[in-house]
Amino acid sequence: MGLFGRRSRRGGVPDDPALLAEAAANPGGSVAEIDTTYIDDPNGYVPPEAIRGAWLVDSSGKLTGEYRENPRHGVPQDDFGKLTDPDSWLGWLGDDPAAAVRNGIEESLRAQVADAVVEWVKILDTPRFLTAGLPSKDGQALLVTRAALAAPFALSVRATQHGRSVLLGVFSWAAVNLASPEPRRDRHWFDLNVGLDWADERLQERIHELGTQGGGPAER
Protein backbone atom coordinates (compact mmCIF):
# COMPACT_ATOMS: atom_id res chain seq x y z
CA MET A 1 0.00 0.00 0.00
CA GLY A 2 3.05 2.27 -0.08
CA LEU A 3 1.87 3.71 -3.39
CA PHE A 4 -1.25 5.27 -1.91
CA GLY A 5 -1.89 8.34 0.18
CA ARG A 6 -4.63 9.43 2.54
CA ARG A 7 -7.64 7.33 3.42
CA SER A 8 -11.16 8.52 2.73
CA ARG A 9 -14.69 7.18 2.70
CA ARG A 10 -16.82 7.32 -0.38
CA GLY A 11 -20.57 7.40 -0.59
CA GLY A 12 -21.48 3.74 -0.26
CA VAL A 13 -19.67 0.54 -1.06
CA PRO A 14 -19.38 -0.18 -4.81
CA ASP A 15 -21.59 -2.96 -6.12
CA ASP A 16 -19.58 -3.71 -9.26
CA PRO A 17 -19.54 -7.56 -9.54
CA ALA A 18 -15.98 -7.63 -10.86
CA LEU A 19 -14.77 -5.42 -8.02
CA LEU A 20 -16.57 -7.51 -5.41
CA ALA A 21 -15.15 -10.73 -6.87
CA GLU A 22 -11.65 -9.27 -6.78
CA ALA A 23 -12.16 -8.23 -3.16
CA ALA A 24 -13.33 -11.74 -2.25
CA ALA A 25 -10.12 -13.10 -3.76
CA ASN A 26 -7.96 -10.69 -1.71
CA PRO A 27 -9.10 -10.81 1.93
CA GLY A 28 -7.18 -8.39 4.10
CA GLY A 29 -5.76 -6.63 1.07
CA SER A 30 -6.96 -4.03 -1.38
CA VAL A 31 -8.46 -3.72 -4.86
CA ALA A 32 -7.11 -1.10 -7.22
CA GLU A 33 -9.34 1.24 -9.21
CA ILE A 34 -7.87 1.60 -12.72
CA ASP A 35 -8.32 4.75 -14.78
CA THR A 36 -9.16 3.47 -18.27
CA THR A 37 -8.30 6.88 -19.72
CA TYR A 38 -4.68 5.75 -19.72
CA ILE A 39 -4.91 1.99 -20.02
CA ASP A 40 -7.04 -0.32 -22.14
CA ASP A 41 -6.40 -3.70 -20.51
CA PRO A 42 -6.51 -3.66 -16.69
CA ASN A 43 -5.29 -7.26 -16.73
CA GLY A 44 -2.08 -6.30 -18.50
CA TYR A 45 0.68 -3.96 -17.36
CA VAL A 46 -0.75 -0.98 -15.49
CA PRO A 47 1.54 2.01 -14.92
CA PRO A 48 1.35 3.38 -11.36
CA GLU A 49 -0.12 6.67 -12.59
CA ALA A 50 -3.13 4.85 -14.10
CA ILE A 51 -4.29 3.69 -10.66
CA ARG A 52 -6.82 6.12 -9.17
CA GLY A 53 -6.56 4.51 -5.76
CA ALA A 54 -7.50 1.33 -3.91
CA TRP A 55 -10.48 0.02 -1.95
CA LEU A 56 -9.52 -1.68 1.30
CA VAL A 57 -10.73 -5.24 1.86
CA ASP A 58 -11.49 -6.77 5.26
CA SER A 59 -10.37 -10.20 6.45
CA SER A 60 -13.54 -11.82 5.11
CA GLY A 61 -12.99 -10.51 1.58
CA LYS A 62 -15.54 -7.69 1.70
CA LEU A 63 -14.96 -4.03 0.87
CA THR A 64 -14.69 -1.92 4.00
CA GLY A 65 -15.83 1.30 2.32
CA GLU A 66 -12.43 2.85 2.98
CA TYR A 67 -10.48 4.14 0.01
CA ARG A 68 -6.87 5.22 -0.43
CA GLU A 69 -6.15 7.76 -3.12
CA ASN A 70 -3.08 7.48 -5.31
CA PRO A 71 -1.19 10.81 -5.21
CA ARG A 72 0.62 9.84 -8.42
CA HIS A 73 -2.60 9.40 -10.40
CA GLY A 74 -2.42 11.20 -13.73
CA VAL A 75 -0.82 11.00 -17.14
CA PRO A 76 1.83 8.21 -17.14
CA GLN A 77 5.39 9.52 -17.39
CA ASP A 78 8.69 8.12 -18.62
CA ASP A 79 10.78 6.40 -15.96
CA PHE A 80 14.40 5.64 -16.81
CA GLY A 81 15.64 5.57 -13.22
CA LYS A 82 16.71 1.94 -13.38
CA LEU A 83 18.79 2.69 -16.49
CA THR A 84 20.71 5.62 -15.06
CA ASP A 85 20.93 4.68 -11.36
CA PRO A 86 23.41 1.75 -11.66
CA ASP A 87 27.12 2.53 -11.44
CA SER A 88 27.73 1.52 -15.03
CA TRP A 89 29.52 3.60 -17.67
CA LEU A 90 26.98 4.91 -20.18
CA GLY A 91 29.17 7.41 -21.99
CA TRP A 92 28.80 5.40 -25.19
CA LEU A 93 25.13 6.47 -25.21
CA GLY A 94 25.98 10.19 -25.28
CA ASP A 95 25.20 12.97 -22.85
CA ASP A 96 21.61 11.81 -22.23
CA PRO A 97 21.45 7.99 -22.05
CA ALA A 98 17.72 7.99 -21.26
CA ALA A 99 16.89 10.07 -24.34
CA ALA A 100 19.17 7.90 -26.48
CA VAL A 101 17.44 4.70 -25.37
CA ARG A 102 13.99 6.24 -25.78
CA ASN A 103 14.86 7.37 -29.31
CA GLY A 104 16.21 3.91 -30.08
CA ILE A 105 12.97 2.32 -28.90
CA GLU A 106 10.87 4.72 -30.97
CA GLU A 107 13.03 4.10 -34.05
CA SER A 108 12.54 0.36 -33.62
CA LEU A 109 8.78 0.81 -33.49
CA ARG A 110 8.69 3.16 -36.46
CA ALA A 111 10.63 0.64 -38.51
CA GLN A 112 7.52 -1.54 -38.16
CA VAL A 113 4.79 1.15 -38.10
CA ALA A 114 5.83 4.43 -39.69
CA ASP A 115 3.59 6.72 -37.63
CA ALA A 116 4.15 5.06 -34.25
CA VAL A 117 4.39 7.54 -31.37
CA VAL A 118 5.63 6.45 -27.96
CA GLU A 119 3.52 7.94 -25.17
CA TRP A 120 5.62 6.72 -22.25
CA VAL A 121 8.40 4.26 -21.47
CA LYS A 122 9.30 2.68 -18.14
CA ILE A 123 12.46 0.65 -17.59
CA LEU A 124 11.23 -2.09 -15.27
CA ASP A 125 14.48 -3.51 -13.89
CA THR A 126 18.21 -2.80 -13.83
CA PRO A 127 19.47 -3.50 -17.38
CA ARG A 128 22.20 -6.00 -18.09
CA PHE A 129 25.37 -4.33 -19.35
CA LEU A 130 28.29 -5.65 -21.37
CA THR A 131 31.60 -3.91 -22.12
CA ALA A 132 34.96 -4.87 -23.60
CA GLY A 133 38.15 -2.93 -24.17
CA LEU A 134 41.89 -2.73 -24.70
CA PRO A 135 44.54 -1.16 -22.48
CA SER A 136 45.78 2.24 -23.60
CA LYS A 137 49.31 2.54 -24.99
CA ASP A 138 50.63 3.72 -21.65
CA GLY A 139 48.77 0.99 -19.81
CA GLN A 140 47.11 3.51 -17.51
CA ALA A 141 43.57 3.23 -18.85
CA LEU A 142 41.14 0.90 -20.54
CA LEU A 143 39.79 1.97 -23.90
CA VAL A 144 36.27 0.65 -24.32
CA THR A 145 35.96 -0.88 -27.77
CA ARG A 146 32.42 -2.24 -27.57
CA ALA A 147 29.41 -2.02 -25.29
CA ALA A 148 25.88 -3.35 -25.07
CA LEU A 149 22.84 -3.33 -22.84
CA ALA A 150 19.53 -5.15 -22.49
CA ALA A 151 16.77 -3.13 -20.80
CA PRO A 152 13.35 -4.57 -19.86
CA PHE A 153 10.54 -2.14 -20.61
CA ALA A 154 6.85 -1.41 -20.53
CA LEU A 155 5.60 1.25 -22.92
CA SER A 156 2.53 2.73 -24.52
CA VAL A 157 2.54 3.39 -28.27
CA ARG A 158 -0.06 4.91 -30.56
CA ALA A 159 -0.48 4.51 -34.30
CA THR A 160 -3.24 5.63 -36.65
CA GLN A 161 -4.39 2.16 -37.70
CA HIS A 162 -3.66 0.29 -34.48
CA GLY A 163 -4.67 2.78 -31.80
CA ARG A 164 -2.92 2.49 -28.45
CA SER A 165 -1.01 -0.60 -27.35
CA VAL A 166 0.87 -1.33 -24.14
CA LEU A 167 3.90 -3.48 -24.88
CA LEU A 168 6.30 -5.43 -22.66
CA GLY A 169 9.71 -6.76 -23.67
CA VAL A 170 13.43 -6.06 -23.72
CA PHE A 171 15.25 -3.44 -25.76
CA SER A 172 18.87 -4.31 -26.56
CA TRP A 173 21.56 -2.09 -28.04
CA ALA A 174 25.10 -3.00 -29.07
CA ALA A 175 27.85 -0.72 -30.34
CA VAL A 176 31.34 -1.58 -31.64
CA ASN A 177 34.43 0.27 -32.85
CA LEU A 178 34.10 2.74 -29.98
CA ALA A 179 37.87 3.32 -29.78
CA SER A 180 38.84 2.58 -33.35
CA PRO A 181 39.51 4.57 -36.52
CA GLU A 182 36.87 2.39 -38.12
CA PRO A 183 33.33 3.84 -38.25
CA ARG A 184 31.26 3.12 -35.20
CA ARG A 185 28.51 0.56 -35.74
CA ASP A 186 25.30 0.24 -33.71
CA ARG A 187 22.36 -2.12 -33.78
CA HIS A 188 19.09 -2.36 -31.86
CA TRP A 189 16.93 -5.37 -31.00
CA PHE A 190 13.32 -4.99 -29.91
CA ASP A 191 12.10 -8.27 -28.41
CA LEU A 192 8.50 -8.44 -27.22
CA ASN A 193 7.26 -10.67 -24.41
CA VAL A 194 10.67 -12.03 -23.46
CA GLY A 195 12.46 -12.01 -20.12
CA LEU A 196 15.63 -10.16 -19.16
CA ASP A 197 17.57 -13.38 -18.63
CA TRP A 198 16.71 -14.49 -22.16
CA ALA A 199 17.95 -11.21 -23.64
CA ASP A 200 21.04 -11.21 -21.41
CA GLU A 201 22.07 -14.63 -22.72
CA ARG A 202 22.05 -13.22 -26.24
CA LEU A 203 24.01 -10.04 -25.57
CA GLN A 204 27.36 -11.74 -26.06
CA GLU A 205 26.45 -13.21 -29.44
CA ARG A 206 24.73 -10.04 -30.55
CA ILE A 207 27.67 -7.81 -29.82
CA HIS A 208 29.84 -10.19 -31.83
CA GLU A 209 27.41 -10.03 -34.73
CA LEU A 210 28.53 -6.48 -35.34
CA GLY A 211 32.17 -7.48 -35.49
CA THR A 212 35.05 -5.95 -33.57
CA GLN A 213 38.67 -5.08 -34.10
CA GLY A 214 40.53 -6.38 -31.11
CA GLY A 215 39.31 -6.12 -27.55
CA GLY A 216 39.31 -8.89 -25.03
CA PRO A 217 36.31 -10.91 -24.00
CA ALA A 218 33.32 -8.84 -23.02
CA GLU A 219 32.90 -8.24 -19.30
CA ARG A 220 29.67 -7.83 -17.38
C-alpha atoms as a PDB file:
ATOM      1  CA  MET A   1       0.000   0.000   0.000  1.00  0.00           C
ATOM      2  CA  GLY A   2       3.046   2.271  -0.082  1.00  0.00           C
ATOM      3  CA  LEU A   3       1.871   3.712  -3.393  1.00  0.00           C
ATOM      4  CA  PHE A   4      -1.247   5.268  -1.913  1.00  0.00           C
ATOM      5  CA  GLY A   5      -1.891   8.344   0.183  1.00  0.00           C
ATOM      6  CA  ARG A   6      -4.628   9.432   2.538  1.00  0.00           C
ATOM      7  CA  ARG A   7      -7.640   7.330   3.418  1.00  0.00           C
ATOM      8  CA  SER A   8     -11.157   8.520   2.729  1.00  0.00           C
ATOM      9  CA  ARG A   9     -14.688   7.185   2.696  1.00  0.00           C
ATOM     10  CA  ARG A  10     -16.823   7.321  -0.382  1.00  0.00           C
ATOM     11  CA  GLY A  11     -20.570   7.396  -0.594  1.00  0.00           C
ATOM     12  CA  GLY A  12     -21.479   3.737  -0.258  1.00  0.00           C
ATOM     13  CA  VAL A  13     -19.674   0.537  -1.061  1.00  0.00           C
ATOM     14  CA  PRO A  14     -19.376  -0.179  -4.807  1.00  0.00           C
ATOM     15  CA  ASP A  15     -21.594  -2.964  -6.122  1.00  0.00           C
ATOM     16  CA  ASP A  16     -19.585  -3.709  -9.257  1.00  0.00           C
ATOM     17  CA  PRO A  17     -19.538  -7.559  -9.542  1.00  0.00           C
ATOM     18  CA  ALA A  18     -15.981  -7.634 -10.856  1.00  0.00           C
ATOM     19  CA  LEU A  19     -14.772  -5.418  -8.019  1.00  0.00           C
ATOM     20  CA  LEU A  20     -16.574  -7.511  -5.415  1.00  0.00           C
ATOM     21  CA  ALA A  21     -15.149 -10.730  -6.866  1.00  0.00           C
ATOM     22  CA  GLU A  22     -11.647  -9.270  -6.780  1.00  0.00           C
ATOM     23  CA  ALA A  23     -12.165  -8.230  -3.158  1.00  0.00           C
ATOM     24  CA  ALA A  24     -13.329 -11.742  -2.249  1.00  0.00           C
ATOM     25  CA  ALA A  25     -10.115 -13.096  -3.762  1.00  0.00           C
ATOM     26  CA  ASN A  26      -7.958 -10.695  -1.710  1.00  0.00           C
ATOM     27  CA  PRO A  27      -9.105 -10.812   1.927  1.00  0.00           C
ATOM     28  CA  GLY A  28      -7.178  -8.387   4.101  1.00  0.00           C
ATOM     29  CA  GLY A  29      -5.760  -6.634   1.070  1.00  0.00           C
ATOM     30  CA  SER A  30      -6.961  -4.032  -1.383  1.00  0.00           C
ATOM     31  CA  VAL A  31      -8.463  -3.722  -4.857  1.00  0.00           C
ATOM     32  CA  ALA A  32      -7.108  -1.098  -7.224  1.00  0.00           C
ATOM     33  CA  GLU A  33      -9.342   1.236  -9.214  1.00  0.00           C
ATOM     34  CA  ILE A  34      -7.875   1.595 -12.721  1.00  0.00           C
ATOM     35  CA  ASP A  35      -8.318   4.746 -14.782  1.00  0.00           C
ATOM     36  CA  THR A  36      -9.161   3.473 -18.271  1.00  0.00           C
ATOM     37  CA  THR A  37      -8.300   6.880 -19.720  1.00  0.00           C
ATOM     38  CA  TYR A  38      -4.681   5.750 -19.724  1.00  0.00           C
ATOM     39  CA  ILE A  39      -4.910   1.987 -20.021  1.00  0.00           C
ATOM     40  CA  ASP A  40      -7.043  -0.325 -22.138  1.00  0.00           C
ATOM     41  CA  ASP A  41      -6.395  -3.697 -20.511  1.00  0.00           C
ATOM     42  CA  PRO A  42      -6.511  -3.659 -16.690  1.00  0.00           C
ATOM     43  CA  ASN A  43      -5.293  -7.263 -16.726  1.00  0.00           C
ATOM     44  CA  GLY A  44      -2.079  -6.296 -18.497  1.00  0.00           C
ATOM     45  CA  TYR A  45       0.685  -3.961 -17.364  1.00  0.00           C
ATOM     46  CA  VAL A  46      -0.755  -0.983 -15.488  1.00  0.00           C
ATOM     47  CA  PRO A  47       1.541   2.013 -14.920  1.00  0.00           C
ATOM     48  CA  PRO A  48       1.351   3.378 -11.362  1.00  0.00           C
ATOM     49  CA  GLU A  49      -0.121   6.666 -12.588  1.00  0.00           C
ATOM     50  CA  ALA A  50      -3.130   4.852 -14.096  1.00  0.00           C
ATOM     51  CA  ILE A  51      -4.289   3.690 -10.665  1.00  0.00           C
ATOM     52  CA  ARG A  52      -6.817   6.115  -9.171  1.00  0.00           C
ATOM     53  CA  GLY A  53      -6.562   4.511  -5.758  1.00  0.00           C
ATOM     54  CA  ALA A  54      -7.501   1.328  -3.906  1.00  0.00           C
ATOM     55  CA  TRP A  55     -10.480   0.019  -1.945  1.00  0.00           C
ATOM     56  CA  LEU A  56      -9.522  -1.678   1.301  1.00  0.00           C
ATOM     57  CA  VAL A  57     -10.733  -5.236   1.858  1.00  0.00           C
ATOM     58  CA  ASP A  58     -11.485  -6.768   5.262  1.00  0.00           C
ATOM     59  CA  SER A  59     -10.366 -10.199   6.453  1.00  0.00           C
ATOM     60  CA  SER A  60     -13.537 -11.821   5.106  1.00  0.00           C
ATOM     61  CA  GLY A  61     -12.992 -10.512   1.584  1.00  0.00           C
ATOM     62  CA  LYS A  62     -15.539  -7.687   1.701  1.00  0.00           C
ATOM     63  CA  LEU A  63     -14.965  -4.034   0.867  1.00  0.00           C
ATOM     64  CA  THR A  64     -14.689  -1.919   4.002  1.00  0.00           C
ATOM     65  CA  GLY A  65     -15.833   1.304   2.325  1.00  0.00           C
ATOM     66  CA  GLU A  66     -12.430   2.851   2.976  1.00  0.00           C
ATOM     67  CA  TYR A  67     -10.484   4.135   0.014  1.00  0.00           C
ATOM     68  CA  ARG A  68      -6.872   5.217  -0.428  1.00  0.00           C
ATOM     69  CA  GLU A  69      -6.146   7.761  -3.115  1.00  0.00           C
ATOM     70  CA  ASN A  70      -3.081   7.485  -5.307  1.00  0.00           C
ATOM     71  CA  PRO A  71      -1.192  10.806  -5.211  1.00  0.00           C
ATOM     72  CA  ARG A  72       0.621   9.835  -8.416  1.00  0.00           C
ATOM     73  CA  HIS A  73      -2.597   9.401 -10.402  1.00  0.00           C
ATOM     74  CA  GLY A  74      -2.419  11.204 -13.729  1.00  0.00           C
ATOM     75  CA  VAL A  75      -0.819  10.995 -17.142  1.00  0.00           C
ATOM     76  CA  PRO A  76       1.827   8.207 -17.138  1.00  0.00           C
ATOM     77  CA  GLN A  77       5.388   9.523 -17.388  1.00  0.00           C
ATOM     78  CA  ASP A  78       8.685   8.119 -18.619  1.00  0.00           C
ATOM     79  CA  ASP A  79      10.775   6.400 -15.964  1.00  0.00           C
ATOM     80  CA  PHE A  80      14.403   5.639 -16.811  1.00  0.00           C
ATOM     81  CA  GLY A  81      15.644   5.572 -13.219  1.00  0.00           C
ATOM     82  CA  LYS A  82      16.714   1.941 -13.384  1.00  0.00           C
ATOM     83  CA  LEU A  83      18.786   2.686 -16.490  1.00  0.00           C
ATOM     84  CA  THR A  84      20.709   5.618 -15.055  1.00  0.00           C
ATOM     85  CA  ASP A  85      20.928   4.676 -11.359  1.00  0.00           C
ATOM     86  CA  PRO A  86      23.409   1.754 -11.664  1.00  0.00           C
ATOM     87  CA  ASP A  87      27.120   2.525 -11.440  1.00  0.00           C
ATOM     88  CA  SER A  88      27.730   1.524 -15.032  1.00  0.00           C
ATOM     89  CA  TRP A  89      29.519   3.601 -17.672  1.00  0.00           C
ATOM     90  CA  LEU A  90      26.982   4.905 -20.179  1.00  0.00           C
ATOM     91  CA  GLY A  91      29.171   7.405 -21.995  1.00  0.00           C
ATOM     92  CA  TRP A  92      28.800   5.402 -25.192  1.00  0.00           C
ATOM     93  CA  LEU A  93      25.129   6.470 -25.215  1.00  0.00           C
ATOM     94  CA  GLY A  94      25.981  10.186 -25.284  1.00  0.00           C
ATOM     95  CA  ASP A  95      25.203  12.973 -22.852  1.00  0.00           C
ATOM     96  CA  ASP A  96      21.615  11.813 -22.230  1.00  0.00           C
ATOM     97  CA  PRO A  97      21.446   7.991 -22.054  1.00  0.00           C
ATOM     98  CA  ALA A  98      17.717   7.994 -21.257  1.00  0.00           C
ATOM     99  CA  ALA A  99      16.894  10.070 -24.335  1.00  0.00           C
ATOM    100  CA  ALA A 100      19.170   7.898 -26.484  1.00  0.00           C
ATOM    101  CA  VAL A 101      17.438   4.698 -25.372  1.00  0.00           C
ATOM    102  CA  ARG A 102      13.989   6.244 -25.782  1.00  0.00           C
ATOM    103  CA  ASN A 103      14.861   7.374 -29.309  1.00  0.00           C
ATOM    104  CA  GLY A 104      16.208   3.911 -30.083  1.00  0.00           C
ATOM    105  CA  ILE A 105      12.973   2.317 -28.900  1.00  0.00           C
ATOM    106  CA  GLU A 106      10.867   4.716 -30.970  1.00  0.00           C
ATOM    107  CA  GLU A 107      13.032   4.100 -34.050  1.00  0.00           C
ATOM    108  CA  SER A 108      12.542   0.356 -33.623  1.00  0.00           C
ATOM    109  CA  LEU A 109       8.777   0.808 -33.486  1.00  0.00           C
ATOM    110  CA  ARG A 110       8.691   3.165 -36.459  1.00  0.00           C
ATOM    111  CA  ALA A 111      10.635   0.635 -38.506  1.00  0.00           C
ATOM    112  CA  GLN A 112       7.523  -1.540 -38.164  1.00  0.00           C
ATOM    113  CA  VAL A 113       4.791   1.151 -38.099  1.00  0.00           C
ATOM    114  CA  ALA A 114       5.827   4.433 -39.686  1.00  0.00           C
ATOM    115  CA  ASP A 115       3.589   6.723 -37.631  1.00  0.00           C
ATOM    116  CA  ALA A 116       4.153   5.056 -34.245  1.00  0.00           C
ATOM    117  CA  VAL A 117       4.386   7.543 -31.374  1.00  0.00           C
ATOM    118  CA  VAL A 118       5.631   6.446 -27.961  1.00  0.00           C
ATOM    119  CA  GLU A 119       3.523   7.935 -25.172  1.00  0.00           C
ATOM    120  CA  TRP A 120       5.624   6.723 -22.249  1.00  0.00           C
ATOM    121  CA  VAL A 121       8.404   4.256 -21.474  1.00  0.00           C
ATOM    122  CA  LYS A 122       9.304   2.680 -18.145  1.00  0.00           C
ATOM    123  CA  ILE A 123      12.465   0.649 -17.586  1.00  0.00           C
ATOM    124  CA  LEU A 124      11.228  -2.092 -15.270  1.00  0.00           C
ATOM    125  CA  ASP A 125      14.477  -3.505 -13.889  1.00  0.00           C
ATOM    126  CA  THR A 126      18.207  -2.801 -13.832  1.00  0.00           C
ATOM    127  CA  PRO A 127      19.472  -3.496 -17.375  1.00  0.00           C
ATOM    128  CA  ARG A 128      22.205  -5.997 -18.093  1.00  0.00           C
ATOM    129  CA  PHE A 129      25.367  -4.331 -19.354  1.00  0.00           C
ATOM    130  CA  LEU A 130      28.294  -5.650 -21.370  1.00  0.00           C
ATOM    131  CA  THR A 131      31.598  -3.914 -22.123  1.00  0.00           C
ATOM    132  CA  ALA A 132      34.956  -4.868 -23.602  1.00  0.00           C
ATOM    133  CA  GLY A 133      38.148  -2.935 -24.175  1.00  0.00           C
ATOM    134  CA  LEU A 134      41.889  -2.727 -24.700  1.00  0.00           C
ATOM    135  CA  PRO A 135      44.543  -1.157 -22.478  1.00  0.00           C
ATOM    136  CA  SER A 136      45.784   2.236 -23.600  1.00  0.00           C
ATOM    137  CA  LYS A 137      49.305   2.536 -24.991  1.00  0.00           C
ATOM    138  CA  ASP A 138      50.633   3.716 -21.649  1.00  0.00           C
ATOM    139  CA  GLY A 139      48.771   0.985 -19.814  1.00  0.00           C
ATOM    140  CA  GLN A 140      47.107   3.506 -17.515  1.00  0.00           C
ATOM    141  CA  ALA A 141      43.568   3.225 -18.848  1.00  0.00           C
ATOM    142  CA  LEU A 142      41.140   0.899 -20.544  1.00  0.00           C
ATOM    143  CA  LEU A 143      39.787   1.971 -23.898  1.00  0.00           C
ATOM    144  CA  VAL A 144      36.269   0.652 -24.320  1.00  0.00           C
ATOM    145  CA  THR A 145      35.955  -0.882 -27.769  1.00  0.00           C
ATOM    146  CA  ARG A 146      32.420  -2.240 -27.573  1.00  0.00           C
ATOM    147  CA  ALA A 147      29.413  -2.017 -25.287  1.00  0.00           C
ATOM    148  CA  ALA A 148      25.883  -3.346 -25.067  1.00  0.00           C
ATOM    149  CA  LEU A 149      22.839  -3.326 -22.836  1.00  0.00           C
ATOM    150  CA  ALA A 150      19.534  -5.148 -22.486  1.00  0.00           C
ATOM    151  CA  ALA A 151      16.773  -3.128 -20.803  1.00  0.00           C
ATOM    152  CA  PRO A 152      13.347  -4.574 -19.860  1.00  0.00           C
ATOM    153  CA  PHE A 153      10.542  -2.138 -20.605  1.00  0.00           C
ATOM    154  CA  ALA A 154       6.853  -1.407 -20.530  1.00  0.00           C
ATOM    155  CA  LEU A 155       5.597   1.248 -22.916  1.00  0.00           C
ATOM    156  CA  SER A 156       2.528   2.733 -24.524  1.00  0.00           C
ATOM    157  CA  VAL A 157       2.542   3.388 -28.270  1.00  0.00           C
ATOM    158  CA  ARG A 158      -0.062   4.908 -30.557  1.00  0.00           C
ATOM    159  CA  ALA A 159      -0.480   4.507 -34.300  1.00  0.00           C
ATOM    160  CA  THR A 160      -3.238   5.627 -36.650  1.00  0.00           C
ATOM    161  CA  GLN A 161      -4.395   2.160 -37.702  1.00  0.00           C
ATOM    162  CA  HIS A 162      -3.658   0.290 -34.478  1.00  0.00           C
ATOM    163  CA  GLY A 163      -4.666   2.780 -31.798  1.00  0.00           C
ATOM    164  CA  ARG A 164      -2.923   2.488 -28.445  1.00  0.00           C
ATOM    165  CA  SER A 165      -1.012  -0.603 -27.351  1.00  0.00           C
ATOM    166  CA  VAL A 166       0.873  -1.333 -24.144  1.00  0.00           C
ATOM    167  CA  LEU A 167       3.905  -3.476 -24.875  1.00  0.00           C
ATOM    168  CA  LEU A 168       6.300  -5.432 -22.664  1.00  0.00           C
ATOM    169  CA  GLY A 169       9.710  -6.761 -23.668  1.00  0.00           C
ATOM    170  CA  VAL A 170      13.427  -6.060 -23.717  1.00  0.00           C
ATOM    171  CA  PHE A 171      15.250  -3.442 -25.761  1.00  0.00           C
ATOM    172  CA  SER A 172      18.874  -4.311 -26.555  1.00  0.00           C
ATOM    173  CA  TRP A 173      21.564  -2.087 -28.042  1.00  0.00           C
ATOM    174  CA  ALA A 174      25.097  -3.005 -29.069  1.00  0.00           C
ATOM    175  CA  ALA A 175      27.850  -0.718 -30.339  1.00  0.00           C
ATOM    176  CA  VAL A 176      31.343  -1.576 -31.636  1.00  0.00           C
ATOM    177  CA  ASN A 177      34.429   0.272 -32.854  1.00  0.00           C
ATOM    178  CA  LEU A 178      34.105   2.742 -29.983  1.00  0.00           C
ATOM    179  CA  ALA A 179      37.866   3.318 -29.783  1.00  0.00           C
ATOM    180  CA  SER A 180      38.836   2.582 -33.352  1.00  0.00           C
ATOM    181  CA  PRO A 181      39.506   4.572 -36.517  1.00  0.00           C
ATOM    182  CA  GLU A 182      36.875   2.386 -38.122  1.00  0.00           C
ATOM    183  CA  PRO A 183      33.332   3.837 -38.250  1.00  0.00           C
ATOM    184  CA  ARG A 184      31.255   3.116 -35.195  1.00  0.00           C
ATOM    185  CA  ARG A 185      28.514   0.556 -35.741  1.00  0.00           C
ATOM    186  CA  ASP A 186      25.302   0.244 -33.715  1.00  0.00           C
ATOM    187  CA  ARG A 187      22.365  -2.124 -33.781  1.00  0.00           C
ATOM    188  CA  HIS A 188      19.090  -2.360 -31.859  1.00  0.00           C
ATOM    189  CA  TRP A 189      16.930  -5.373 -31.003  1.00  0.00           C
ATOM    190  CA  PHE A 190      13.324  -4.993 -29.909  1.00  0.00           C
ATOM    191  CA  ASP A 191      12.099  -8.270 -28.405  1.00  0.00           C
ATOM    192  CA  LEU A 192       8.496  -8.436 -27.222  1.00  0.00           C
ATOM    193  CA  ASN A 193       7.256 -10.670 -24.407  1.00  0.00           C
ATOM    194  CA  VAL A 194      10.669 -12.032 -23.459  1.00  0.00           C
ATOM    195  CA  GLY A 195      12.461 -12.010 -20.123  1.00  0.00           C
ATOM    196  CA  LEU A 196      15.625 -10.158 -19.163  1.00  0.00           C
ATOM    197  CA  ASP A 197      17.569 -13.384 -18.625  1.00  0.00           C
ATOM    198  CA  TRP A 198      16.707 -14.488 -22.165  1.00  0.00           C
ATOM    199  CA  ALA A 199      17.955 -11.212 -23.642  1.00  0.00           C
ATOM    200  CA  ASP A 200      21.036 -11.207 -21.409  1.00  0.00           C
ATOM    201  CA  GLU A 201      22.072 -14.627 -22.720  1.00  0.00           C
ATOM    202  CA  ARG A 202      22.049 -13.216 -26.242  1.00  0.00           C
ATOM    203  CA  LEU A 203      24.010 -10.039 -25.571  1.00  0.00           C
ATOM    204  CA  GLN A 204      27.361 -11.744 -26.063  1.00  0.00           C
ATOM    205  CA  GLU A 205      26.451 -13.215 -29.444  1.00  0.00           C
ATOM    206  CA  ARG A 206      24.725 -10.042 -30.549  1.00  0.00           C
ATOM    207  CA  ILE A 207      27.673  -7.814 -29.816  1.00  0.00           C
ATOM    208  CA  HIS A 208      29.835 -10.189 -31.826  1.00  0.00           C
ATOM    209  CA  GLU A 209      27.410 -10.028 -34.734  1.00  0.00           C
ATOM    210  CA  LEU A 210      28.530  -6.481 -35.342  1.00  0.00           C
ATOM    211  CA  GLY A 211      32.173  -7.477 -35.494  1.00  0.00           C
ATOM    212  CA  THR A 212      35.046  -5.951 -33.566  1.00  0.00           C
ATOM    213  CA  GLN A 213      38.671  -5.084 -34.104  1.00  0.00           C
ATOM    214  CA  GLY A 214      40.533  -6.383 -31.111  1.00  0.00           C
ATOM    215  CA  GLY A 215      39.309  -6.117 -27.553  1.00  0.00           C
ATOM    216  CA  GLY A 216      39.307  -8.888 -25.030  1.00  0.00           C
ATOM    217  CA  PRO A 217      36.311 -10.905 -23.999  1.00  0.00           C
ATOM    218  CA  ALA A 218      33.319  -8.840 -23.022  1.00  0.00           C
ATOM    219  CA  GLU A 219      32.900  -8.236 -19.304  1.00  0.00           C
ATOM    220  CA  ARG A 220      29.669  -7.830 -17.376  1.00  0.00           C
END
